[in-house]
Amino acid sequence: MLRTFENPLPGAHRTRAQSLTLRVLTVNTHKGFTAFNRRFMLHELRDAVREVSADVVFLQEVQGMHERHPQRVENWPDAPHYEFLADSIWTAYAYGRNAVYPFGHHGNAVLSKYPILRYENRDASVSGPEKRGLLHCAIGVPGQDRELHAICVHLGLREAHRRVQLRLLCELIHEQVPSEAPLVVAGDFNDWRVSAEQQLAHAGLAEVHAHTHGRPPRTFPARFPMLRLDRIYVRGVRRFRPMPMPQRPWAHLSDHSPLAAEIEL
């Protein structure tokens, strides 16, 4: 049974024609490689993502293009990685290019089984070479009188940068997401000190795992998780529950463990 909010978030009890339960997944793909770039695992990662049967998938560090890897890496796909992962399962996808370098680029992506009506990749870079973005998608879901808003996040490594990026995230939510609309914010927050909670609580966001278990889960490094870097936040939904994820095969597919949740709109 899905967990009910003890303190309902804004919009959580609005009237709708019918309820809908969605499954969401977030994972940092590490550009298709295992930790330390030892092996290319994108094909195995696609199989694992499919097994979760998520309706909406949030991806970070997804390779958009690389000119040299196709000649060097066996089984490098012809399509951008987000298209390869979407395949025929997720008919809609959006990509936000963040880091651009001489031979390619990577960024965030959202895959959806429902139509992505519009999307925007907002630059959240602060200073220096580290480029970050906030990929915001408005998704049309059946039987709902409001769009589902999904924001894929990958924040910086420096805490001072993250504070600025969290403020930009809150501004984006205030400007672009109606208070009564269902919202999911997921991704790699790099918040190893777990200092983002209070700032995001002011935007009405609750972290799915922290609300249930008291704190976000450890997700990095994937083989021996110690740091609580990845999150799934929600606002304006009826119920939610975190989904347990197995150690295998995920610990061998990326340097981050995935997170998943079921959310009732």
C-alpha atoms as a PDB file:
ATOM      1  CA  MET A   1       0.000   0.000   0.000  1.00  0.00           C
ATOM      2  CA  LEU A   2       1.243   3.474  -0.870  1.00  0.00           C
ATOM      3  CA  ARG A   3       2.249   5.673   2.025  1.00  0.00           C
ATOM      4  CA  THR A   4      -0.059   8.624   2.769  1.00  0.00           C
ATOM      5  CA  PHE A   5       1.393  11.997   3.696  1.00  0.00           C
ATOM      6  CA  GLU A   6       1.004  12.702   7.395  1.00  0.00           C
ATOM      7  CA  ASN A   7       1.156  16.408   6.526  1.00  0.00           C
ATOM      8  CA  PRO A   8      -0.394  16.801   3.067  1.00  0.00           C
ATOM      9  CA  LEU A   9       1.612  18.803   0.572  1.00  0.00           C
ATOM     10  CA  PRO A  10       0.007  21.580  -1.482  1.00  0.00           C
ATOM     11  CA  GLY A  11      -2.456  20.163  -3.981  1.00  0.00           C
ATOM     12  CA  ALA A  12      -2.396  16.670  -2.515  1.00  0.00           C
ATOM     13  CA  HIS A  13      -6.192  16.409  -2.089  1.00  0.00           C
ATOM     14  CA  ARG A  14      -7.441  18.124  -5.211  1.00  0.00           C
ATOM     15  CA  THR A  15     -10.390  16.495  -6.967  1.00  0.00           C
ATOM     16  CA  ARG A  16      -9.667  14.420 -10.075  1.00  0.00           C
ATOM     17  CA  ALA A  17     -11.646  12.139 -12.340  1.00  0.00           C
ATOM     18  CA  GLN A  18      -9.434   9.186 -11.419  1.00  0.00           C
ATOM     19  CA  SER A  19      -6.202   8.355  -9.653  1.00  0.00           C
ATOM     20  CA  LEU A  20      -3.125   7.021 -11.400  1.00  0.00           C
ATOM     21  CA  THR A  21      -0.112   5.285  -9.887  1.00  0.00           C
ATOM     22  CA  LEU A  22       3.201   5.945 -11.620  1.00  0.00           C
ATOM     23  CA  ARG A  23       6.541   4.247 -11.140  1.00  0.00           C
ATOM     24  CA  VAL A  24       9.590   6.510 -11.396  1.00  0.00           C
ATOM     25  CA  LEU A  25      13.288   5.667 -11.556  1.00  0.00           C
ATOM     26  CA  THR A  26      16.409   7.810 -11.328  1.00  0.00           C
ATOM     27  CA  VAL A  27      19.961   6.715 -12.132  1.00  0.00           C
ATOM     28  CA  ASN A  28      23.253   8.376 -12.943  1.00  0.00           C
ATOM     29  CA  THR A  29      24.375   6.403 -16.021  1.00  0.00           C
ATOM     30  CA  HIS A  30      28.046   7.491 -15.826  1.00  0.00           C
ATOM     31  CA  LYS A  31      27.976   7.825 -19.637  1.00  0.00           C
ATOM     32  CA  GLY A  32      27.374   4.097 -19.968  1.00  0.00           C
ATOM     33  CA  PHE A  33      30.521   2.988 -18.138  1.00  0.00           C
ATOM     34  CA  THR A  34      31.178   1.294 -14.819  1.00  0.00           C
ATOM     35  CA  ALA A  35      33.156   3.032 -12.075  1.00  0.00           C
ATOM     36  CA  PHE A  36      36.578   4.252 -13.283  1.00  0.00           C
ATOM     37  CA  ASN A  37      35.369   3.678 -16.880  1.00  0.00           C
ATOM     38  CA  ARG A  38      36.547   0.077 -16.764  1.00  0.00           C
ATOM     39  CA  ARG A  39      33.731  -1.441 -18.853  1.00  0.00           C
ATOM     40  CA  PHE A  40      31.033  -0.189 -21.183  1.00  0.00           C
ATOM     41  CA  MET A  41      27.726  -1.454 -19.753  1.00  0.00           C
ATOM     42  CA  LEU A  42      25.015   0.486 -21.566  1.00  0.00           C
ATOM     43  CA  HIS A  43      23.346  -2.619 -23.027  1.00  0.00           C
ATOM     44  CA  GLU A  44      23.153  -4.262 -19.610  1.00  0.00           C
ATOM     45  CA  LEU A  45      21.962  -0.983 -18.111  1.00  0.00           C
ATOM     46  CA  ARG A  46      19.122  -0.850 -20.644  1.00  0.00           C
ATOM     47  CA  ASP A  47      18.016  -4.344 -19.632  1.00  0.00           C
ATOM     48  CA  ALA A  48      18.050  -3.385 -15.955  1.00  0.00           C
ATOM     49  CA  VAL A  49      16.089  -0.173 -16.551  1.00  0.00           C
ATOM     50  CA  ARG A  50      13.470  -2.144 -18.468  1.00  0.00           C
ATOM     51  CA  GLU A  51      13.069  -4.590 -15.577  1.00  0.00           C
ATOM     52  CA  VAL A  52      11.910  -1.776 -13.280  1.00  0.00           C
ATOM     53  CA  SER A  53       8.961  -1.005 -15.625  1.00  0.00           C
ATOM     54  CA  ALA A  54       9.108   2.676 -14.728  1.00  0.00           C
ATOM     55  CA  ASP A  55       6.717   5.103 -16.381  1.00  0.00           C
ATOM     56  CA  VAL A  56       9.147   8.013 -16.071  1.00  0.00           C
ATOM     57  CA  VAL A  57      12.939   7.638 -15.967  1.00  0.00           C
ATOM     58  CA  PHE A  58      15.348  10.380 -14.845  1.00  0.00           C
ATOM     59  CA  LEU A  59      18.894  10.015 -16.218  1.00  0.00           C
ATOM     60  CA  GLN A  60      22.033  11.950 -15.351  1.00  0.00           C
ATOM     61  CA  GLU A  61      25.410  11.924 -17.119  1.00  0.00           C
ATOM     62  CA  VAL A  62      23.809  10.467 -20.220  1.00  0.00           C
ATOM     63  CA  GLN A  63      25.953  10.681 -23.342  1.00  0.00           C
ATOM     64  CA  GLY A  64      24.392  12.686 -26.128  1.00  0.00           C
ATOM     65  CA  MET A  65      27.231  12.324 -28.627  1.00  0.00           C
ATOM     66  CA  HIS A  66      30.887  11.304 -28.748  1.00  0.00           C
ATOM     67  CA  GLU A  67      32.908  11.234 -31.965  1.00  0.00           C
ATOM     68  CA  ARG A  68      35.751   8.986 -30.799  1.00  0.00           C
ATOM     69  CA  HIS A  69      34.062   6.304 -28.698  1.00  0.00           C
ATOM     70  CA  PRO A  70      32.375   4.513 -31.644  1.00  0.00           C
ATOM     71  CA  GLN A  71      35.838   3.603 -32.974  1.00  0.00           C
ATOM     72  CA  ARG A  72      37.216   2.637 -29.561  1.00  0.00           C
ATOM     73  CA  VAL A  73      34.330   1.037 -27.667  1.00  0.00           C
ATOM     74  CA  GLU A  74      32.726  -2.234 -28.706  1.00  0.00           C
ATOM     75  CA  ASN A  75      28.922  -2.164 -29.106  1.00  0.00           C
ATOM     76  CA  TRP A  76      28.734   1.630 -28.964  1.00  0.00           C
ATOM     77  CA  PRO A  77      25.173   2.429 -30.161  1.00  0.00           C
ATOM     78  CA  ASP A  78      24.534   4.492 -33.277  1.00  0.00           C
ATOM     79  CA  ALA A  79      21.866   6.567 -31.505  1.00  0.00           C
ATOM     80  CA  PRO A  80      22.378   8.968 -28.583  1.00  0.00           C
ATOM     81  CA  HIS A  81      22.314   7.044 -25.315  1.00  0.00           C
ATOM     82  CA  TYR A  82      18.954   8.451 -24.205  1.00  0.00           C
ATOM     83  CA  GLU A  83      17.370   7.255 -27.468  1.00  0.00           C
ATOM     84  CA  PHE A  84      19.066   3.868 -27.134  1.00  0.00           C
ATOM     85  CA  LEU A  85      17.763   3.476 -23.580  1.00  0.00           C
ATOM     86  CA  ALA A  86      14.273   4.668 -24.524  1.00  0.00           C
ATOM     87  CA  ASP A  87      14.099   2.227 -27.467  1.00  0.00           C
ATOM     88  CA  SER A  88      10.452   1.203 -28.014  1.00  0.00           C
ATOM     89  CA  ILE A  89       9.504   1.266 -24.308  1.00  0.00           C
ATOM     90  CA  TRP A  90       9.506   5.014 -23.603  1.00  0.00           C
ATOM     91  CA  THR A  91       7.985   6.718 -26.611  1.00  0.00           C
ATOM     92  CA  ALA A  92       8.767  10.236 -25.404  1.00  0.00           C
ATOM     93  CA  TYR A  93      12.100  11.618 -24.260  1.00  0.00           C
ATOM     94  CA  ALA A  94      13.841  14.919 -23.655  1.00  0.00           C
ATOM     95  CA  TYR A  95      17.542  15.654 -23.434  1.00  0.00           C
ATOM     96  CA  GLY A  96      19.280  18.604 -21.824  1.00  0.00           C
ATOM     97  CA  ARG A  97      22.847  19.095 -23.051  1.00  0.00           C
ATOM     98  CA  ASN A  98      25.027  20.396 -20.216  1.00  0.00           C
ATOM     99  CA  ALA A  99      28.708  19.534 -20.635  1.00  0.00           C
ATOM    100  CA  VAL A 100      30.141  20.191 -24.108  1.00  0.00           C
ATOM    101  CA  TYR A 101      33.702  19.223 -25.047  1.00  0.00           C
ATOM    102  CA  PRO A 102      35.681  18.889 -28.304  1.00  0.00           C
ATOM    103  CA  PHE A 103      34.453  15.402 -29.154  1.00  0.00           C
ATOM    104  CA  GLY A 104      30.945  15.313 -27.712  1.00  0.00           C
ATOM    105  CA  HIS A 105      28.510  16.268 -24.961  1.00  0.00           C
ATOM    106  CA  HIS A 106      26.460  14.787 -22.124  1.00  0.00           C
ATOM    107  CA  GLY A 107      23.686  15.934 -19.815  1.00  0.00           C
ATOM    108  CA  ASN A 108      20.351  14.961 -18.273  1.00  0.00           C
ATOM    109  CA  ALA A 109      17.455  13.119 -19.895  1.00  0.00           C
ATOM    110  CA  VAL A 110      13.872  12.176 -19.088  1.00  0.00           C
ATOM    111  CA  LEU A 111      12.176   9.147 -20.644  1.00  0.00           C
ATOM    112  CA  SER A 112       8.393   8.896 -20.451  1.00  0.00           C
ATOM    113  CA  LYS A 113       5.688   6.445 -21.476  1.00  0.00           C
ATOM    114  CA  TYR A 114       3.346   9.437 -21.669  1.00  0.00           C
ATOM    115  CA  PRO A 115       3.635  12.457 -23.990  1.00  0.00           C
ATOM    116  CA  ILE A 116       6.146  15.140 -23.036  1.00  0.00           C
ATOM    117  CA  LEU A 117       4.175  18.246 -23.909  1.00  0.00           C
ATOM    118  CA  ARG A 118       7.096  20.668 -23.561  1.00  0.00           C
ATOM    119  CA  TYR A 119      10.488  20.863 -21.907  1.00  0.00           C
ATOM    120  CA  GLU A 120      13.210  23.311 -20.996  1.00  0.00           C
ATOM    121  CA  ASN A 121      16.825  22.763 -19.996  1.00  0.00           C
ATOM    122  CA  ARG A 122      17.723  25.613 -17.663  1.00  0.00           C
ATOM    123  CA  ASP A 123      21.407  26.365 -17.209  1.00  0.00           C
ATOM    124  CA  ALA A 124      22.429  25.952 -13.564  1.00  0.00           C
ATOM    125  CA  SER A 125      26.188  26.361 -14.030  1.00  0.00           C
ATOM    126  CA  VAL A 126      27.828  28.597 -11.443  1.00  0.00           C
ATOM    127  CA  SER A 127      31.500  29.079 -12.321  1.00  0.00           C
ATOM    128  CA  GLY A 128      34.460  27.166 -13.634  1.00  0.00           C
ATOM    129  CA  PRO A 129      34.396  24.183 -15.999  1.00  0.00           C
ATOM    130  CA  GLU A 130      31.590  22.293 -14.203  1.00  0.00           C
ATOM    131  CA  LYS A 131      28.425  22.638 -16.319  1.00  0.00           C
ATOM    132  CA  ARG A 132      25.060  21.732 -14.826  1.00  0.00           C
ATOM    133  CA  GLY A 133      21.422  21.987 -15.880  1.00  0.00           C
ATOM    134  CA  LEU A 134      17.852  21.519 -14.661  1.00  0.00           C
ATOM    135  CA  LEU A 135      15.762  19.612 -17.220  1.00  0.00           C
ATOM    136  CA  HIS A 136      12.086  20.478 -16.694  1.00  0.00           C
ATOM    137  CA  CYS A 137       9.389  18.487 -18.524  1.00  0.00           C
ATOM    138  CA  ALA A 138       5.605  18.874 -18.531  1.00  0.00           C
ATOM    139  CA  ILE A 139       4.023  15.446 -19.110  1.00  0.00           C
ATOM    140  CA  GLY A 140       0.446  14.703 -20.120  1.00  0.00           C
ATOM    141  CA  VAL A 141      -0.933  11.733 -18.192  1.00  0.00           C
ATOM    142  CA  PRO A 142      -4.303  10.056 -18.828  1.00  0.00           C
ATOM    143  CA  GLY A 143      -7.305  10.852 -16.650  1.00  0.00           C
ATOM    144  CA  GLN A 144      -5.629  13.832 -14.970  1.00  0.00           C
ATOM    145  CA  ASP A 145      -6.737  17.445 -14.983  1.00  0.00           C
ATOM    146  CA  ARG A 146      -3.173  18.683 -14.378  1.00  0.00           C
ATOM    147  CA  GLU A 147       0.116  18.084 -16.113  1.00  0.00           C
ATOM    148  CA  LEU A 148       2.780  16.104 -14.302  1.00  0.00           C
ATOM    149  CA  HIS A 149       5.943  18.184 -13.907  1.00  0.00           C
ATOM    150  CA  ALA A 150       9.257  16.316 -13.859  1.00  0.00           C
ATOM    151  CA  ILE A 151      12.601  17.983 -13.158  1.00  0.00           C
ATOM    152  CA  CYS A 152      15.816  16.012 -13.664  1.00  0.00           C
ATOM    153  CA  VAL A 153      18.644  17.352 -11.513  1.00  0.00           C
ATOM    154  CA  HIS A 154      22.420  16.947 -11.418  1.00  0.00           C
ATOM    155  CA  LEU A 155      23.994  19.426  -9.026  1.00  0.00           C
ATOM    156  CA  GLY A 156      27.606  20.479  -8.569  1.00  0.00           C
ATOM    157  CA  LEU A 157      30.387  18.979  -6.499  1.00  0.00           C
ATOM    158  CA  ARG A 158      30.997  22.121  -4.410  1.00  0.00           C
ATOM    159  CA  GLU A 159      28.546  22.949  -1.633  1.00  0.00           C
ATOM    160  CA  ALA A 160      28.623  26.674  -2.419  1.00  0.00           C
ATOM    161  CA  HIS A 161      27.591  25.873  -5.993  1.00  0.00           C
ATOM    162  CA  ARG A 162      24.844  23.538  -4.805  1.00  0.00           C
ATOM    163  CA  ARG A 163      23.324  26.251  -2.632  1.00  0.00           C
ATOM    164  CA  VAL A 164      23.044  28.507  -5.671  1.00  0.00           C
ATOM    165  CA  GLN A 165      21.680  25.664  -7.816  1.00  0.00           C
ATOM    166  CA  LEU A 166      19.087  24.748  -5.205  1.00  0.00           C
ATOM    167  CA  ARG A 167      17.939  28.359  -5.181  1.00  0.00           C
ATOM    168  CA  LEU A 168      17.671  28.228  -8.985  1.00  0.00           C
ATOM    169  CA  LEU A 169      15.657  25.015  -8.678  1.00  0.00           C
ATOM    170  CA  CYS A 170      13.261  26.612  -6.196  1.00  0.00           C
ATOM    171  CA  GLU A 171      12.891  29.636  -8.487  1.00  0.00           C
ATOM    172  CA  LEU A 172      12.125  27.355 -11.436  1.00  0.00           C
ATOM    173  CA  ILE A 173       9.445  25.553  -9.424  1.00  0.00           C
ATOM    174  CA  HIS A 174       7.917  28.843  -8.270  1.00  0.00           C
ATOM    175  CA  GLU A 175       7.854  30.262 -11.805  1.00  0.00           C
ATOM    176  CA  GLN A 176       6.887  27.238 -13.883  1.00  0.00           C
ATOM    177  CA  VAL A 177       5.012  24.719 -11.713  1.00  0.00           C
ATOM    178  CA  PRO A 178       1.490  25.539 -10.481  1.00  0.00           C
ATOM    179  CA  SER A 179       1.141  24.962  -6.759  1.00  0.00           C
ATOM    180  CA  GLU A 180      -1.591  22.344  -7.263  1.00  0.00           C
ATOM    181  CA  ALA A 181       0.248  20.413 -10.009  1.00  0.00           C
ATOM    182  CA  PRO A 182       1.947  17.083  -9.238  1.00  0.00           C
ATOM    183  CA  LEU A 183       5.719  17.444  -9.268  1.00  0.00           C
ATOM    184  CA  VAL A 184       8.621  14.979  -9.159  1.00  0.00           C
ATOM    185  CA  VAL A 185      12.199  16.221  -8.802  1.00  0.00           C
ATOM    186  CA  ALA A 186      14.804  13.478  -9.055  1.00  0.00           C
ATOM    187  CA  GLY A 187      18.462  12.970  -9.768  1.00  0.00           C
ATOM    188  CA  ASP A 188      21.984  13.248  -8.454  1.00  0.00           C
ATOM    189  CA  PHE A 189      22.107  16.065  -5.905  1.00  0.00           C
ATOM    190  CA  ASN A 190      25.723  15.433  -4.820  1.00  0.00           C
ATOM    191  CA  ASP A 191      24.465  16.485  -1.386  1.00  0.00           C
ATOM    192  CA  TRP A 192      26.673  14.234   0.699  1.00  0.00           C
ATOM    193  CA  ARG A 193      26.147  16.384   3.810  1.00  0.00           C
ATOM    194  CA  VAL A 194      22.342  16.115   3.407  1.00  0.00           C
ATOM    195  CA  SER A 195      22.056  19.888   3.738  1.00  0.00           C
ATOM    196  CA  ALA A 196      19.494  20.441   0.956  1.00  0.00           C
ATOM    197  CA  GLU A 197      16.459  19.163   2.855  1.00  0.00           C
ATOM    198  CA  GLN A 198      15.512  22.387   4.620  1.00  0.00           C
ATOM    199  CA  GLN A 199      15.910  24.517   1.499  1.00  0.00           C
ATOM    200  CA  LEU A 200      13.740  22.189  -0.575  1.00  0.00           C
ATOM    201  CA  ALA A 201      11.156  21.824   2.190  1.00  0.00           C
ATOM    202  CA  HIS A 202      10.446  25.545   1.783  1.00  0.00           C
ATOM    203  CA  ALA A 203       9.400  24.716  -1.802  1.00  0.00           C
ATOM    204  CA  GLY A 204       6.954  22.102  -0.454  1.00  0.00           C
ATOM    205  CA  LEU A 205       9.095  19.130  -1.526  1.00  0.00           C
ATOM    206  CA  ALA A 206       9.329  15.882   0.452  1.00  0.00           C
ATOM    207  CA  GLU A 207      11.996  13.271  -0.256  1.00  0.00           C
ATOM    208  CA  VAL A 208      10.324   9.889  -0.730  1.00  0.00           C
ATOM    209  CA  HIS A 209      12.876   7.737   1.093  1.00  0.00           C
ATOM    210  CA  ALA A 210      13.596  10.247   3.862  1.00  0.00           C
ATOM    211  CA  HIS A 211       9.870  10.668   4.571  1.00  0.00           C
ATOM    212  CA  THR A 212       9.547   6.898   4.941  1.00  0.00           C
ATOM    213  CA  HIS A 213      12.865   5.902   6.513  1.00  0.00           C
ATOM    214  CA  GLY A 214      14.050   9.110   8.168  1.00  0.00           C
ATOM    215  CA  ARG A 215      16.891   9.928   5.777  1.00  0.00           C
ATOM    216  CA  PRO A 216      17.800   9.517   2.087  1.00  0.00           C
ATOM    217  CA  PRO A 217      19.477   6.223   1.160  1.00  0.00           C
ATOM    218  CA  ARG A 218      23.174   5.725   0.520  1.00  0.00           C
ATOM    219  CA  THR A 219      23.766   5.464  -3.226  1.00  0.00           C
ATOM    220  CA  PHE A 220      27.480   6.112  -3.857  1.00  0.00           C
ATOM    221  CA  PRO A 221      29.684   4.333  -4.671  1.00  0.00           C
ATOM    222  CA  ALA A 222      27.319   1.695  -5.986  1.00  0.00           C
ATOM    223  CA  ARG A 223      29.290  -1.355  -4.858  1.00  0.00           C
ATOM    224  CA  PHE A 224      29.749  -0.122  -1.283  1.00  0.00           C
ATOM    225  CA  PRO A 225      27.301   2.796  -0.853  1.00  0.00           C
ATOM    226  CA  MET A 226      28.375   5.346   1.744  1.00  0.00           C
ATOM    227  CA  LEU A 227      27.168   8.749   0.534  1.00  0.00           C
ATOM    228  CA  ARG A 228      23.527   9.875   0.213  1.00  0.00           C
ATOM    229  CA  LEU A 229      23.749  11.623  -3.151  1.00  0.00           C
ATOM    230  CA  ASP A 230      20.628  10.642  -5.118  1.00  0.00           C
ATOM    231  CA  ARG A 231      17.060  11.675  -4.289  1.00  0.00           C
ATOM    232  CA  ILE A 232      13.407  11.563  -5.385  1.00  0.00           C
ATOM    233  CA  TYR A 233      11.333  14.527  -4.178  1.00  0.00           C
ATOM    234  CA  VAL A 234       7.582  14.951  -4.667  1.00  0.00           C
ATOM    235  CA  ARG A 235       4.931  17.604  -4.211  1.00  0.00           C
ATOM    236  CA  GLY A 236       1.200  17.672  -4.870  1.00  0.00           C
ATOM    237  CA  VAL A 237       0.692  13.895  -5.035  1.00  0.00           C
ATOM    238  CA  ARG A 238      -1.744  11.696  -3.123  1.00  0.00           C
ATOM    239  CA  ARG A 239       0.506   8.911  -1.898  1.00  0.00           C
ATOM    240  CA  PHE A 240       3.940   7.477  -2.480  1.00  0.00           C
ATOM    241  CA  ARG A 241       6.242   4.699  -1.406  1.00  0.00           C
ATOM    242  CA  PRO A 242       9.914   3.983  -2.084  1.00  0.00           C
ATOM    243  CA  MET A 243      10.682   0.811  -4.017  1.00  0.00           C
ATOM    244  CA  PRO A 244      13.539  -1.416  -2.820  1.00  0.00           C
ATOM    245  CA  MET A 245      16.192  -1.937  -5.477  1.00  0.00           C
ATOM    246  CA  PRO A 246      18.446  -5.009  -5.592  1.00  0.00           C
ATOM    247  CA  GLN A 247      22.221  -4.700  -5.295  1.00  0.00           C
ATOM    248  CA  ARG A 248      22.621  -6.867  -8.389  1.00  0.00           C
ATOM    249  CA  PRO A 249      22.914  -6.161 -11.212  1.00  0.00           C
ATOM    250  CA  TRP A 250      22.918  -2.415 -10.459  1.00  0.00           C
ATOM    251  CA  ALA A 251      26.173  -2.329  -8.491  1.00  0.00           C
ATOM    252  CA  HIS A 252      28.002  -3.414 -11.653  1.00  0.00           C
ATOM    253  CA  LEU A 253      26.314  -1.033 -14.094  1.00  0.00           C
ATOM    254  CA  SER A 254      27.300   2.445 -12.881  1.00  0.00           C
ATOM    255  CA  ASP A 255      29.064   4.206 -10.033  1.00  0.00           C
ATOM    256  CA  HIS A 256      25.680   5.249  -8.552  1.00  0.00           C
ATOM    257  CA  SER A 257      22.884   3.035  -7.242  1.00  0.00           C
ATOM    258  CA  PRO A 258      19.429   3.783  -8.674  1.00  0.00           C
ATOM    259  CA  LEU A 259      16.365   4.927  -6.756  1.00  0.00           C
ATOM    260  CA  ALA A 260      12.749   4.093  -7.558  1.00  0.00           C
ATOM    261  CA  ALA A 261       9.336   4.956  -6.153  1.00  0.00           C
ATOM    262  CA  GLU A 262       5.626   4.482  -6.799  1.00  0.00           C
ATOM    263  CA  ILE A 263       3.626   7.704  -6.771  1.00  0.00           C
ATOM    264  CA  GLU A 264      -0.147   8.070  -6.879  1.00  0.00           C
ATOM    265  CA  LEU A 265      -1.460  11.176  -8.610  1.00  0.00           C
END
